[in-house]
């Protein structure tokens, strides 16, 4: 039961932290307001990322397993 919550929390924190930082840097550069712009983007993005990971991780994992099990078509 703990993994049901721990994984989405950690994955969404990791992804939203890095993605918002990178996108903020690309869009606006690093200056005196960088941290405040990054923080604003992060606190908006993280709850969204959490919900998406929480709802999507299991179906995506199952889909990936099915893709991995498929055998490639034979070329004659």
PDB file of N, CA and C in Angstrom:
ATOM      1  N   UNK A   1       0.825  -1.205   0.000  1.00  0.00           N
ATOM      2  CA  UNK A   1       0.000   0.000   0.000  1.00  0.00           C
ATOM      3  C   UNK A   1       0.861   1.258   0.000  1.00  0.00           C
ATOM      4  N   UNK A   2       1.980   1.204   0.717  1.00  0.00           N
ATOM      5  CA  UNK A   2       2.841   2.386   0.764  1.00  0.00           C
ATOM      6  C   UNK A   2       3.381   2.748  -0.609  1.00  0.00           C
ATOM      7  N   UNK A   3       3.743   1.738  -1.415  1.00  0.00           N
ATOM      8  CA  UNK A   3       4.285   2.007  -2.746  1.00  0.00           C
ATOM      9  C   UNK A   3       3.271   2.700  -3.635  1.00  0.00           C
ATOM     10  N   UNK A   4       1.990   2.458  -3.387  1.00  0.00           N
ATOM     11  CA  UNK A   4       0.937   3.106  -4.168  1.00  0.00           C
ATOM     12  C   UNK A   4       1.035   4.626  -4.045  1.00  0.00           C
ATOM     13  N   UNK A   5       1.535   5.109  -2.917  1.00  0.00           N
ATOM     14  CA  UNK A   5       1.673   6.552  -2.687  1.00  0.00           C
ATOM     15  C   UNK A   5       3.111   7.036  -2.837  1.00  0.00           C
ATOM     16  N   UNK A   6       4.065   6.244  -2.387  1.00  0.00           N
ATOM     17  CA  UNK A   6       5.465   6.680  -2.407  1.00  0.00           C
ATOM     18  C   UNK A   6       5.972   6.856  -3.835  1.00  0.00           C
ATOM     19  N   UNK A   7       5.708   5.877  -4.698  1.00  0.00           N
ATOM     20  CA  UNK A   7       6.193   5.976  -6.068  1.00  0.00           C
ATOM     21  C   UNK A   7       5.669   7.214  -6.783  1.00  0.00           C
ATOM     22  N   UNK A   8       4.358   7.486  -6.808  1.00  0.00           N
ATOM     23  CA  UNK A   8       3.893   8.679  -7.530  1.00  0.00           C
ATOM     24  C   UNK A   8       4.407   9.983  -6.915  1.00  0.00           C
ATOM     25  N   UNK A   9       4.557  10.014  -5.605  1.00  0.00           N
ATOM     26  CA  UNK A   9       5.088  11.230  -4.979  1.00  0.00           C
ATOM     27  C   UNK A   9       6.514  11.478  -5.450  1.00  0.00           C
ATOM     28  N   UNK A  10       7.361  10.447  -5.369  1.00  0.00           N
ATOM     29  CA  UNK A  10       8.757  10.614  -5.759  1.00  0.00           C
ATOM     30  C   UNK A  10       8.924  10.859  -7.252  1.00  0.00           C
ATOM     31  N   UNK A  11       8.209  10.105  -8.077  1.00  0.00           N
ATOM     32  CA  UNK A  11       8.341  10.275  -9.523  1.00  0.00           C
ATOM     33  C   UNK A  11       7.844  11.640  -9.966  1.00  0.00           C
ATOM     34  N   UNK A  12       6.736  12.097  -9.428  1.00  0.00           N
ATOM     35  CA  UNK A  12       6.207  13.401  -9.828  1.00  0.00           C
ATOM     36  C   UNK A  12       7.082  14.540  -9.313  1.00  0.00           C
ATOM     37  N   UNK A  13       7.639  14.398  -8.117  1.00  0.00           N
ATOM     38  CA  UNK A  13       8.579  15.409  -7.615  1.00  0.00           C
ATOM     39  C   UNK A  13       9.801  15.487  -8.513  1.00  0.00           C
ATOM     40  N   UNK A  14      10.372  14.338  -8.824  1.00  0.00           N
ATOM     41  CA  UNK A  14      11.565  14.265  -9.667  1.00  0.00           C
ATOM     42  C   UNK A  14      11.314  14.896 -11.033  1.00  0.00           C
ATOM     43  N   UNK A  15      10.264  14.457 -11.702  1.00  0.00           N
ATOM     44  CA  UNK A  15       9.993  14.943 -13.056  1.00  0.00           C
ATOM     45  C   UNK A  15       9.605  16.416 -13.075  1.00  0.00           C
ATOM     46  N   UNK A  16       8.727  16.839 -12.185  1.00  0.00           N
ATOM     47  CA  UNK A  16       8.300  18.237 -12.218  1.00  0.00           C
ATOM     48  C   UNK A  16       9.427  19.168 -11.794  1.00  0.00           C
ATOM     49  N   UNK A  17      10.264  18.760 -10.843  1.00  0.00           N
ATOM     50  CA  UNK A  17      11.395  19.578 -10.422  1.00  0.00           C
ATOM     51  C   UNK A  17      12.355  19.808 -11.591  1.00  0.00           C
ATOM     52  N   UNK A  18      12.742  18.721 -12.256  1.00  0.00           N
ATOM     53  CA  UNK A  18      13.689  18.843 -13.360  1.00  0.00           C
ATOM     54  C   UNK A  18      13.080  19.524 -14.587  1.00  0.00           C
ATOM     55  N   UNK A  19      11.880  19.154 -14.947  1.00  0.00           N
ATOM     56  CA  UNK A  19      11.270  19.722 -16.151  1.00  0.00           C
ATOM     57  C   UNK A  19      10.961  21.209 -15.993  1.00  0.00           C
ATOM     58  N   UNK A  20      10.405  21.598 -14.848  1.00  0.00           N
ATOM     59  CA  UNK A  20      10.114  23.024 -14.674  1.00  0.00           C
ATOM     60  C   UNK A  20      11.396  23.837 -14.608  1.00  0.00           C
ATOM     61  N   UNK A  21      12.434  23.293 -13.987  1.00  0.00           N
ATOM     62  CA  UNK A  21      13.716  23.986 -13.941  1.00  0.00           C
ATOM     63  C   UNK A  21      14.302  24.170 -15.329  1.00  0.00           C
ATOM     64  N   UNK A  22      14.304  23.107 -16.105  1.00  0.00           N
ATOM     65  CA  UNK A  22      14.866  23.163 -17.446  1.00  0.00           C
ATOM     66  C   UNK A  22      14.058  24.101 -18.348  1.00  0.00           C
ATOM     67  N   UNK A  23      12.756  23.978 -18.323  1.00  0.00           N
ATOM     68  CA  UNK A  23      11.913  24.803 -19.188  1.00  0.00           C
ATOM     69  C   UNK A  23      11.977  26.275 -18.768  1.00  0.00           C
ATOM     70  N   UNK A  24      12.014  26.543 -17.469  1.00  0.00           N
ATOM     71  CA  UNK A  24      12.161  27.922 -16.998  1.00  0.00           C
ATOM     72  C   UNK A  24      13.490  28.491 -17.477  1.00  0.00           C
ATOM     73  N   UNK A  25      14.544  27.726 -17.373  1.00  0.00           N
ATOM     74  CA  UNK A  25      15.864  28.161 -17.827  1.00  0.00           C
ATOM     75  C   UNK A  25      15.874  28.438 -19.336  1.00  0.00           C
ATOM     76  N   UNK A  26      15.303  27.528 -20.128  1.00  0.00           N
ATOM     77  CA  UNK A  26      15.268  27.701 -21.581  1.00  0.00           C
ATOM     78  C   UNK A  26      14.444  28.933 -21.964  1.00  0.00           C
ATOM     79  N   UNK A  27      13.291  29.101 -21.329  1.00  0.00           N
ATOM     80  CA  UNK A  27      12.390  30.197 -21.707  1.00  0.00           C
ATOM     81  C   UNK A  27      12.832  31.565 -21.215  1.00  0.00           C
ATOM     82  N   UNK A  28      13.430  31.629 -20.037  1.00  0.00           N
ATOM     83  CA  UNK A  28      13.689  32.952 -19.446  1.00  0.00           C
ATOM     84  C   UNK A  28      15.131  33.174 -19.043  1.00  0.00           C
ATOM     85  N   UNK A  29      15.951  32.139 -19.081  1.00  0.00           N
ATOM     86  CA  UNK A  29      17.334  32.287 -18.669  1.00  0.00           C
ATOM     87  C   UNK A  29      17.471  32.333 -17.157  1.00  0.00           C
ATOM     88  N   UNK A  30      18.721  32.421 -16.725  1.00  0.00           N
ATOM     89  CA  UNK A  30      19.003  32.476 -15.293  1.00  0.00           C
ATOM     90  C   UNK A  30      19.376  33.908 -14.937  1.00  0.00           C
ATOM     91  N   UNK A  31      18.585  34.506 -14.071  1.00  0.00           N
ATOM     92  CA  UNK A  31      18.881  35.841 -13.566  1.00  0.00           C
ATOM     93  C   UNK A  31      18.426  35.915 -12.119  1.00  0.00           C
ATOM     94  N   UNK A  32      18.257  37.081 -11.591  1.00  0.00           N
ATOM     95  CA  UNK A  32      17.901  37.245 -10.184  1.00  0.00           C
ATOM     96  C   UNK A  32      16.542  36.675  -9.808  1.00  0.00           C
ATOM     97  N   UNK A  33      15.623  36.562 -10.764  1.00  0.00           N
ATOM     98  CA  UNK A  33      14.277  36.058 -10.478  1.00  0.00           C
ATOM     99  C   UNK A  33      14.089  34.589 -10.858  1.00  0.00           C
ATOM    100  N   UNK A  34      15.163  33.935 -11.265  1.00  0.00           N
ATOM    101  CA  UNK A  34      15.043  32.559 -11.742  1.00  0.00           C
ATOM    102  C   UNK A  34      14.394  31.642 -10.713  1.00  0.00           C
ATOM    103  N   UNK A  35      14.867  31.686  -9.481  1.00  0.00           N
ATOM    104  CA  UNK A  35      14.348  30.779  -8.443  1.00  0.00           C
ATOM    105  C   UNK A  35      12.866  31.017  -8.205  1.00  0.00           C
ATOM    106  N   UNK A  36      12.430  32.261  -8.166  1.00  0.00           N
ATOM    107  CA  UNK A  36      11.008  32.528  -7.929  1.00  0.00           C
ATOM    108  C   UNK A  36      10.149  32.062  -9.114  1.00  0.00           C
ATOM    109  N   UNK A  37      10.647  32.238 -10.347  1.00  0.00           N
ATOM    110  CA  UNK A  37       9.902  31.746 -11.515  1.00  0.00           C
ATOM    111  C   UNK A  37       9.859  30.230 -11.527  1.00  0.00           C
ATOM    112  N   UNK A  38      10.992  29.606 -11.183  1.00  0.00           N
ATOM    113  CA  UNK A  38      11.052  28.146 -11.121  1.00  0.00           C
ATOM    114  C   UNK A  38      10.091  27.629 -10.050  1.00  0.00           C
ATOM    115  N   UNK A  39      10.122  28.234  -8.874  1.00  0.00           N
ATOM    116  CA  UNK A  39       9.248  27.796  -7.787  1.00  0.00           C
ATOM    117  C   UNK A  39       7.783  27.898  -8.195  1.00  0.00           C
ATOM    118  N   UNK A  40       7.405  29.000  -8.840  1.00  0.00           N
ATOM    119  CA  UNK A  40       6.007  29.171  -9.268  1.00  0.00           C
ATOM    120  C   UNK A  40       5.623  28.064 -10.243  1.00  0.00           C
ATOM    121  N   UNK A  41       6.484  27.802 -11.215  1.00  0.00           N
ATOM    122  CA  UNK A  41       6.193  26.740 -12.181  1.00  0.00           C
ATOM    123  C   UNK A  41       6.109  25.386 -11.475  1.00  0.00           C
ATOM    124  N   UNK A  42       7.018  25.144 -10.537  1.00  0.00           N
ATOM    125  CA  UNK A  42       7.047  23.858  -9.843  1.00  0.00           C
ATOM    126  C   UNK A  42       5.803  23.645  -8.988  1.00  0.00           C
ATOM    127  N   UNK A  43       5.394  24.634  -8.185  1.00  0.00           N
ATOM    128  CA  UNK A  43       4.253  24.385  -7.303  1.00  0.00           C
ATOM    129  C   UNK A  43       2.943  24.282  -8.061  1.00  0.00           C
ATOM    130  N   UNK A  44       2.911  24.770  -9.301  1.00  0.00           N
ATOM    131  CA  UNK A  44       1.737  24.547 -10.146  1.00  0.00           C
ATOM    132  C   UNK A  44       1.816  23.158 -10.786  1.00  0.00           C
ATOM    133  N   UNK A  45       3.012  22.787 -11.257  1.00  0.00           N
ATOM    134  CA  UNK A  45       3.175  21.536 -12.000  1.00  0.00           C
ATOM    135  C   UNK A  45       3.138  20.294 -11.123  1.00  0.00           C
ATOM    136  N   UNK A  46       3.677  20.366  -9.900  1.00  0.00           N
ATOM    137  CA  UNK A  46       3.803  19.149  -9.117  1.00  0.00           C
ATOM    138  C   UNK A  46       2.470  18.464  -8.799  1.00  0.00           C
ATOM    139  N   UNK A  47       1.449  19.176  -8.332  1.00  0.00           N
ATOM    140  CA  UNK A  47       0.191  18.454  -8.061  1.00  0.00           C
ATOM    141  C   UNK A  47      -0.405  17.815  -9.313  1.00  0.00           C
ATOM    142  N   UNK A  48      -0.258  18.492 -10.449  1.00  0.00           N
ATOM    143  CA  UNK A  48      -0.753  17.926 -11.704  1.00  0.00           C
ATOM    144  C   UNK A  48       0.034  16.666 -12.045  1.00  0.00           C
ATOM    145  N   UNK A  49       1.359  16.752 -11.928  1.00  0.00           N
ATOM    146  CA  UNK A  49       2.204  15.592 -12.213  1.00  0.00           C
ATOM    147  C   UNK A  49       1.875  14.436 -11.274  1.00  0.00           C
ATOM    148  N   UNK A  50       1.622  14.732 -10.008  1.00  0.00           N
ATOM    149  CA  UNK A  50       1.292  13.681  -9.051  1.00  0.00           C
ATOM    150  C   UNK A  50       0.030  12.934  -9.473  1.00  0.00           C
ATOM    151  N   UNK A  51      -1.015  13.660  -9.805  1.00  0.00           N
ATOM    152  CA  UNK A  51      -2.277  13.027 -10.209  1.00  0.00           C
ATOM    153  C   UNK A  51      -2.067  12.192 -11.472  1.00  0.00           C
ATOM    154  N   UNK A  52      -1.319  12.737 -12.435  1.00  0.00           N
ATOM    155  CA  UNK A  52      -1.081  11.997 -13.674  1.00  0.00           C
ATOM    156  C   UNK A  52      -0.282  10.723 -13.437  1.00  0.00           C
ATOM    157  N   UNK A  53       0.738  10.787 -12.599  1.00  0.00           N
ATOM    158  CA  UNK A  53       1.521   9.582 -12.294  1.00  0.00           C
ATOM    159  C   UNK A  53       0.669   8.600 -11.496  1.00  0.00           C
ATOM    160  N   UNK A  54      -0.060   9.096 -10.521  1.00  0.00           N
ATOM    161  CA  UNK A  54      -0.894   8.214  -9.696  1.00  0.00           C
ATOM    162  C   UNK A  54      -1.904   7.447 -10.550  1.00  0.00           C
ATOM    163  N   UNK A  55      -2.542   8.150 -11.473  1.00  0.00           N
ATOM    164  CA  UNK A  55      -3.559   7.514 -12.302  1.00  0.00           C
ATOM    165  C   UNK A  55      -2.972   6.728 -13.467  1.00  0.00           C
ATOM    166  N   UNK A  56      -1.819   7.147 -13.987  1.00  0.00           N
ATOM    167  CA  UNK A  56      -1.314   6.550 -15.214  1.00  0.00           C
ATOM    168  C   UNK A  56      -0.236   5.514 -15.063  1.00  0.00           C
ATOM    169  N   UNK A  57       0.438   5.441 -13.937  1.00  0.00           N
ATOM    170  CA  UNK A  57       1.594   4.544 -13.809  1.00  0.00           C
ATOM    171  C   UNK A  57       1.228   3.082 -14.055  1.00  0.00           C
ATOM    172  N   UNK A  58       0.192   2.603 -13.446  1.00  0.00           N
ATOM    173  CA  UNK A  58      -0.188   1.189 -13.573  1.00  0.00           C
ATOM    174  C   UNK A  58      -0.614   0.839 -14.995  1.00  0.00           C
ATOM    175  N   UNK A  59      -1.526   1.596 -15.603  1.00  0.00           N
ATOM    176  CA  UNK A  59      -1.897   1.252 -16.988  1.00  0.00           C
ATOM    177  C   UNK A  59      -0.722   1.342 -17.961  1.00  0.00           C
ATOM    178  N   UNK A  60       0.147   2.321 -17.780  1.00  0.00           N
ATOM    179  CA  UNK A  60       1.298   2.462 -18.664  1.00  0.00           C
ATOM    180  C   UNK A  60       2.263   1.294 -18.465  1.00  0.00           C
ATOM    181  N   UNK A  61       2.465   0.886 -17.221  1.00  0.00           N
ATOM    182  CA  UNK A  61       3.332  -0.262 -16.950  1.00  0.00           C
ATOM    183  C   UNK A  61       2.773  -1.520 -17.609  1.00  0.00           C
ATOM    184  N   UNK A  62       1.472  -1.728 -17.494  1.00  0.00           N
ATOM    185  CA  UNK A  62       0.845  -2.901 -18.100  1.00  0.00           C
ATOM    186  C   UNK A  62       0.965  -2.864 -19.627  1.00  0.00           C
ATOM    187  N   UNK A  63       0.771  -1.694 -20.207  1.00  0.00           N
ATOM    188  CA  UNK A  63       0.903  -1.541 -21.652  1.00  0.00           C
ATOM    189  C   UNK A  63       2.343  -1.816 -22.095  1.00  0.00           C
ATOM    190  N   UNK A  64       3.307  -1.300 -21.340  1.00  0.00           N
ATOM    191  CA  UNK A  64       4.720  -1.524 -21.656  1.00  0.00           C
ATOM    192  C   UNK A  64       5.066  -3.005 -21.577  1.00  0.00           C
ATOM    193  N   UNK A  65       4.507  -3.710 -20.593  1.00  0.00           N
ATOM    194  CA  UNK A  65       4.752  -5.147 -20.481  1.00  0.00           C
ATOM    195  C   UNK A  65       4.197  -5.888 -21.690  1.00  0.00           C
ATOM    196  N   UNK A  66       3.024  -5.497 -22.154  1.00  0.00           N
ATOM    197  CA  UNK A  66       2.438  -6.135 -23.334  1.00  0.00           C
ATOM    198  C   UNK A  66       3.291  -5.864 -24.570  1.00  0.00           C
ATOM    199  N   UNK A  67       3.775  -4.643 -24.699  1.00  0.00           N
ATOM    200  CA  UNK A  67       4.634  -4.321 -25.840  1.00  0.00           C
ATOM    201  C   UNK A  67       5.920  -5.130 -25.796  1.00  0.00           C
ATOM    202  N   UNK A  68       6.470  -5.304 -24.616  1.00  0.00           N
ATOM    203  CA  UNK A  68       7.722  -6.040 -24.464  1.00  0.00           C
ATOM    204  C   UNK A  68       7.529  -7.524 -24.759  1.00  0.00           C
ATOM    205  N   UNK A  69       6.353  -8.063 -24.532  1.00  0.00           N
ATOM    206  CA  UNK A  69       6.075  -9.479 -24.772  1.00  0.00           C
ATOM    207  C   UNK A  69       5.851  -9.780 -26.246  1.00  0.00           C
ATOM    208  N   UNK A  70       5.441  -8.785 -27.025  1.00  0.00           N
ATOM    209  CA  UNK A  70       5.156  -9.022 -28.457  1.00  0.00           C
ATOM    210  C   UNK A  70       6.438  -9.381 -29.193  1.00  0.00           C
ATOM    211  N   UNK A  71       6.272 -10.326 -30.082  1.00  0.00           N
ATOM    212  CA  UNK A  71       7.399 -10.738 -30.913  1.00  0.00           C
ATOM    213  C   UNK A  71       7.375  -9.892 -32.173  1.00  0.00           C
ATOM    214  N   UNK A  72       8.529  -9.468 -32.630  1.00  0.00           N
ATOM    215  CA  UNK A  72       8.558  -8.671 -33.870  1.00  0.00           C
ATOM    216  C   UNK A  72       8.113  -9.530 -35.049  1.00  0.00           C
ATOM    217  N   UNK A  73       7.522  -8.905 -36.061  1.00  0.00           N
ATOM    218  CA  UNK A  73       7.095  -9.683 -37.234  1.00  0.00           C
ATOM    219  C   UNK A  73       8.304 -10.265 -37.968  1.00  0.00           C
ATOM    220  N   UNK A  74       8.113 -11.446 -38.526  1.00  0.00           N
ATOM    221  CA  UNK A  74       9.175 -12.104 -39.297  1.00  0.00           C
ATOM    222  C   UNK A  74       9.258 -11.468 -40.675  1.00  0.00           C
ATOM    223  N   UNK A  75      10.459 -11.169 -41.081  1.00  0.00           N
ATOM    224  CA  UNK A  75      10.669 -10.659 -42.422  1.00  0.00           C
ATOM    225  C   UNK A  75      11.113 -11.812 -43.307  1.00  0.00           C
ATOM    226  N   UNK A  76      10.399 -12.031 -44.377  1.00  0.00           N
ATOM    227  CA  UNK A  76      10.721 -13.175 -45.277  1.00  0.00           C
ATOM    228  C   UNK A  76      11.779 -12.803 -46.259  1.00  0.00           C
TER     229      UNK A  76
END
